[in-house]
Amino acid sequence: MPRRLLALLVLLFASVPATASADPVIVGGGDADQPYPFAVSLHSPTGKLFCAGALIAPTWVVTAAHCAFDKTPAAISVRAGTNDVGQGGEVAQVAGIIVNPAFNTQSPAGDIALLRLAAPAEAAPIGLATAAAPGTATRILGWGQTCPKVGCGGIPTTLQQLDTHIVEGSKCTSVFDGTAELCTDNPGGKAGACFGDSGGPEIVRDGDHWLLAGVTSRPGNNDPVCASAPSIYTSAVAYAPWIAEKTKA
């Protein structure tokens, strides 16, 4: 795939239309069936949702680099501790942005960033997974567009979830780095993340709690229709050392 087209698809995955949607589900998913206090929505100064993220410590959020590389801290507010995109929980201000140095707009590498909050959030954070191999059952979360084509609808009010699996990297026909990314299936050939879900968490179950395995990055093919193929997630497992280095006290 030409890198300029790839870059466009990455950035498009972070965009959402301004209108509200009557469709109650993420593409092929459904309303969250439990609280996910660590799932956060990222908003512009006007309150518009543009991406999602995961609270990994009281003052740190993980998101996609393409959600934050062109923004100042003042341009992002974070809502945490609620499944509702527009109310409840708490709203935190961002004090700093750290974009992985491997990221640039012409290549998908290093599509991960950290947001440092101005004050500790009260919501419970999520820990990082230590492994995420093909065959692993996962769940993706987000408030992204609920229909698969650009501009076909808006965003849901309630956080959406979809059960998925990590698959072999060969299933993602776009540029894919198996050492630092996760290829995740599109159940039924038509379910998956969509525009506005960028930066959101891909999680794995560990006993009675969840762990962060991946960060929503981009489609796994060159088709702008959402969920027409597996999607690509930046591996939180692979970037755990970088995350630890940047978030240490």
Protein backbone atom coordinates (compact mmCIF):
# COMPACT_ATOMS: atom_id res chain seq x y z
CA MET A 1 0.00 0.00 0.00
CA PRO A 2 1.37 3.51 -0.79
CA ARG A 3 2.49 5.12 2.46
CA ARG A 4 0.50 8.31 1.83
CA LEU A 5 -2.70 6.25 1.55
CA LEU A 6 -1.73 4.32 4.66
CA ALA A 7 -1.18 7.56 6.57
CA LEU A 8 -4.58 8.85 5.42
CA LEU A 9 -6.31 5.70 6.65
CA VAL A 10 -4.56 5.96 10.03
CA LEU A 11 -5.71 9.55 10.50
CA LEU A 12 -9.19 8.83 9.15
CA PHE A 13 -9.63 6.11 11.76
CA ALA A 14 -9.43 8.87 14.35
CA SER A 15 -12.11 11.05 12.75
CA VAL A 16 -15.82 10.98 13.55
CA PRO A 17 -18.80 12.83 12.09
CA ALA A 18 -20.48 15.51 14.13
CA THR A 19 -23.97 14.05 14.00
CA ALA A 20 -25.36 11.62 16.56
CA SER A 21 -26.20 8.05 15.60
CA ALA A 22 -29.38 6.13 16.36
CA ASP A 23 -27.60 2.82 15.80
CA PRO A 24 -26.92 1.34 19.27
CA VAL A 25 -23.84 -0.71 18.39
CA ILE A 26 -20.21 -0.31 17.31
CA VAL A 27 -19.85 -2.14 14.00
CA GLY A 28 -21.00 -5.61 15.02
CA GLY A 29 -20.64 -4.98 18.75
CA GLY A 30 -22.96 -3.88 21.55
CA ASP A 31 -23.32 -1.71 24.64
CA ALA A 32 -20.77 -2.31 27.38
CA ASP A 33 -22.06 -4.97 29.77
CA GLN A 34 -20.01 -3.79 32.76
CA PRO A 35 -18.11 -0.72 33.98
CA TYR A 36 -14.76 -0.07 32.33
CA PRO A 37 -13.45 2.81 34.46
CA PHE A 38 -10.08 2.76 32.69
CA ALA A 39 -11.62 3.38 29.25
CA VAL A 40 -11.36 7.10 28.54
CA SER A 41 -12.74 9.33 25.82
CA LEU A 42 -10.62 12.17 24.41
CA HIS A 43 -12.34 15.44 23.58
CA SER A 44 -11.48 18.66 21.79
CA PRO A 45 -11.95 22.07 23.48
CA THR A 46 -15.46 22.16 21.97
CA GLY A 47 -16.29 18.83 23.59
CA LYS A 48 -16.19 16.74 20.42
CA LEU A 49 -14.95 13.17 20.76
CA PHE A 50 -11.95 12.48 18.54
CA CYS A 51 -10.28 9.39 20.05
CA ALA A 52 -10.18 7.08 23.05
CA GLY A 53 -7.53 5.79 25.42
CA ALA A 54 -6.81 3.74 28.52
CA LEU A 55 -5.96 4.99 32.00
CA ILE A 56 -2.88 2.98 33.06
CA ALA A 57 -1.99 4.97 36.20
CA PRO A 58 -3.67 7.82 38.10
CA THR A 59 -1.86 10.42 36.00
CA TRP A 60 -1.20 8.53 32.74
CA VAL A 61 -3.30 7.62 29.71
CA VAL A 62 -2.18 5.49 26.75
CA THR A 63 -3.60 6.35 23.34
CA ALA A 64 -2.58 6.21 19.68
CA ALA A 65 0.15 8.57 18.51
CA HIS A 66 -1.96 9.69 15.57
CA CYS A 67 -4.54 10.95 18.06
CA ALA A 68 -2.09 13.28 19.81
CA PHE A 69 0.96 14.09 17.68
CA ASP A 70 -0.50 17.34 16.31
CA LYS A 71 -2.15 18.58 19.50
CA THR A 72 -1.17 20.63 22.51
CA PRO A 73 -2.12 19.53 26.03
CA ALA A 74 -4.68 22.33 26.21
CA ALA A 75 -6.45 20.88 23.16
CA ILE A 76 -7.29 17.59 24.91
CA SER A 77 -9.59 16.78 27.82
CA VAL A 78 -10.05 13.26 29.15
CA ARG A 79 -13.28 11.80 30.51
CA ALA A 80 -12.73 8.72 32.69
CA GLY A 81 -14.70 6.49 34.99
CA THR A 82 -17.90 6.32 32.94
CA ASN A 83 -19.32 4.38 30.00
CA ASP A 84 -21.15 7.51 28.85
CA VAL A 85 -19.25 9.64 26.35
CA GLY A 86 -20.76 12.90 27.51
CA GLN A 87 -21.55 12.71 31.19
CA GLY A 88 -20.60 11.11 34.49
CA GLY A 89 -17.23 10.07 35.74
CA GLU A 90 -14.60 12.80 35.85
CA VAL A 91 -13.01 15.15 33.35
CA ALA A 92 -9.25 15.58 33.56
CA GLN A 93 -7.00 18.10 31.88
CA VAL A 94 -3.82 17.06 30.09
CA ALA A 95 -0.50 18.51 31.25
CA GLY A 96 1.85 16.78 28.82
CA ILE A 97 2.02 14.62 25.69
CA ILE A 98 4.72 12.06 24.89
CA VAL A 99 4.61 10.62 21.38
CA ASN A 100 6.70 7.55 20.62
CA PRO A 101 9.75 8.74 18.66
CA ALA A 102 9.25 6.09 15.96
CA PHE A 103 5.94 7.65 14.88
CA ASN A 104 5.60 9.82 11.80
CA THR A 105 2.62 10.54 9.53
CA GLN A 106 4.07 8.66 6.56
CA SER A 107 4.52 5.36 8.41
CA PRO A 108 2.44 3.44 10.96
CA ALA A 109 5.42 2.62 13.20
CA GLY A 110 5.26 3.64 16.85
CA ASP A 111 1.55 4.51 16.86
CA ILE A 112 1.40 4.99 20.61
CA ALA A 113 1.46 8.02 22.87
CA LEU A 114 1.16 8.89 26.54
CA LEU A 115 -0.91 11.69 28.04
CA ARG A 116 0.16 13.01 31.44
CA LEU A 117 -2.81 14.28 33.41
CA ALA A 118 -2.65 17.53 35.36
CA ALA A 119 -4.04 15.81 38.47
CA PRO A 120 -4.53 12.17 39.48
CA ALA A 121 -7.74 10.58 38.25
CA GLU A 122 -9.96 8.78 40.75
CA ALA A 123 -10.97 6.07 38.25
CA ALA A 124 -9.31 2.67 38.59
CA PRO A 125 -6.53 2.19 36.01
CA ILE A 126 -5.79 -0.96 34.01
CA GLY A 127 -2.56 -2.93 34.14
CA LEU A 128 -0.54 -4.03 31.12
CA ALA A 129 -0.70 -7.57 29.76
CA THR A 130 2.55 -9.51 29.58
CA ALA A 131 1.67 -11.60 26.52
CA ALA A 132 -0.63 -11.35 23.49
CA ALA A 133 -0.17 -14.17 21.01
CA PRO A 134 -2.33 -15.27 18.06
CA GLY A 135 -5.36 -17.16 19.35
CA THR A 136 -5.72 -14.95 22.42
CA ALA A 137 -9.30 -13.89 23.15
CA THR A 138 -9.59 -10.11 23.44
CA ARG A 139 -12.23 -7.42 23.73
CA ILE A 140 -12.14 -4.03 22.05
CA LEU A 141 -13.78 -0.92 23.48
CA GLY A 142 -14.68 2.46 22.01
CA TRP A 143 -17.18 5.15 21.19
CA GLY A 144 -16.44 5.17 17.47
CA GLN A 145 -18.79 5.31 14.51
CA THR A 146 -21.35 2.49 14.51
CA CYS A 147 -21.76 2.02 10.75
CA PRO A 148 -18.92 1.03 8.43
CA LYS A 149 -18.63 3.80 5.83
CA VAL A 150 -17.21 7.29 6.13
CA GLY A 151 -19.91 9.75 7.12
CA CYS A 152 -22.69 7.16 7.39
CA GLY A 153 -23.50 7.99 10.99
CA GLY A 154 -22.36 9.46 14.29
CA ILE A 155 -21.17 8.11 17.58
CA PRO A 156 -23.01 6.19 20.30
CA THR A 157 -23.55 7.66 23.74
CA THR A 158 -22.68 4.40 25.48
CA LEU A 159 -19.28 2.71 25.32
CA GLN A 160 -19.31 -0.21 22.88
CA GLN A 161 -17.59 -3.58 23.22
CA LEU A 162 -16.80 -6.41 20.82
CA ASP A 163 -15.25 -9.80 21.55
CA THR A 164 -12.39 -10.57 19.19
CA HIS A 165 -9.25 -12.70 18.83
CA ILE A 166 -5.68 -11.94 17.92
CA VAL A 167 -4.86 -13.68 14.63
CA GLU A 168 -1.74 -14.33 12.60
CA GLY A 169 -0.15 -11.22 11.16
CA SER A 170 -0.59 -12.49 7.62
CA LYS A 171 -4.31 -11.76 7.98
CA CYS A 172 -3.48 -8.03 8.04
CA THR A 173 -2.51 -7.22 4.47
CA SER A 174 -1.54 -3.62 5.18
CA VAL A 175 1.96 -2.71 6.37
CA PHE A 176 2.26 -4.70 9.60
CA ASP A 177 5.00 -5.08 12.19
CA GLY A 178 4.61 -8.39 13.97
CA THR A 179 7.13 -7.40 16.64
CA ALA A 180 5.14 -4.40 17.85
CA GLU A 181 1.59 -4.77 16.56
CA LEU A 182 -1.38 -7.10 16.95
CA CYS A 183 -3.59 -8.25 14.07
CA THR A 184 -7.12 -8.69 15.41
CA ASP A 185 -9.98 -10.42 13.62
CA ASN A 186 -13.23 -8.96 12.34
CA PRO A 187 -15.87 -11.43 13.62
CA GLY A 188 -18.29 -12.55 10.93
CA GLY A 189 -16.29 -10.60 8.36
CA LYS A 190 -18.09 -7.37 9.27
CA ALA A 191 -17.43 -6.43 12.90
CA GLY A 192 -14.63 -4.31 14.31
CA ALA A 193 -13.32 -0.88 15.20
CA CYS A 194 -14.34 2.15 13.17
CA PHE A 195 -13.75 5.88 12.84
CA GLY A 196 -13.35 7.43 16.28
CA ASP A 197 -12.22 4.24 18.01
CA SER A 198 -8.54 5.09 17.54
CA GLY A 199 -6.47 4.93 20.70
CA GLY A 200 -9.05 2.78 22.49
CA PRO A 201 -8.14 -0.31 24.48
CA GLU A 202 -7.90 -3.91 23.34
CA ILE A 203 -8.10 -5.90 26.56
CA VAL A 204 -7.58 -9.46 27.75
CA ARG A 205 -9.16 -11.23 30.71
CA ASP A 206 -6.91 -12.25 33.59
CA GLY A 207 -8.98 -13.94 36.27
CA ASP A 208 -11.42 -11.37 37.62
CA HIS A 209 -9.85 -8.35 35.98
CA TRP A 210 -8.78 -6.95 32.62
CA LEU A 211 -5.33 -6.14 31.25
CA LEU A 212 -4.38 -3.87 28.35
CA ALA A 213 -3.00 -5.78 25.35
CA GLY A 214 -3.32 -3.29 22.52
CA VAL A 215 -4.17 0.23 21.38
CA THR A 216 -6.49 0.71 18.39
CA SER A 217 -4.40 1.91 15.45
CA ARG A 218 -5.81 1.37 11.94
CA PRO A 219 -7.49 -0.95 9.43
CA GLY A 220 -5.61 -4.08 8.44
CA ASN A 221 -6.20 -3.50 4.73
CA ASN A 222 -6.45 -0.56 2.34
CA ASP A 223 -10.25 -0.43 2.36
CA PRO A 224 -11.78 2.64 4.09
CA VAL A 225 -14.90 0.58 4.86
CA CYS A 226 -14.63 -0.36 8.54
CA ALA A 227 -14.38 -4.01 9.61
CA SER A 228 -13.97 -5.32 6.06
CA ALA A 229 -10.80 -7.05 7.28
CA PRO A 230 -8.91 -7.60 10.55
CA SER A 231 -7.62 -4.43 12.24
CA ILE A 232 -4.21 -3.49 13.58
CA TYR A 233 -3.52 -2.59 17.21
CA THR A 234 -0.28 -1.26 18.64
CA SER A 235 0.98 -3.83 21.14
CA ALA A 236 1.03 -2.51 24.70
CA VAL A 237 3.05 -5.62 25.55
CA ALA A 238 5.81 -4.69 23.11
CA TYR A 239 5.91 -1.08 24.26
CA ALA A 240 5.76 -1.89 27.99
CA PRO A 241 9.45 -0.99 28.55
CA TRP A 242 8.98 2.38 26.83
CA ILE A 243 5.80 3.02 28.83
CA ALA A 244 7.57 2.13 32.09
CA GLU A 245 10.50 4.41 31.28
CA LYS A 246 8.34 7.41 30.46
CA THR A 247 5.88 7.04 33.34
CA LYS A 248 8.33 6.30 36.15
CA ALA A 249 8.24 8.73 39.04
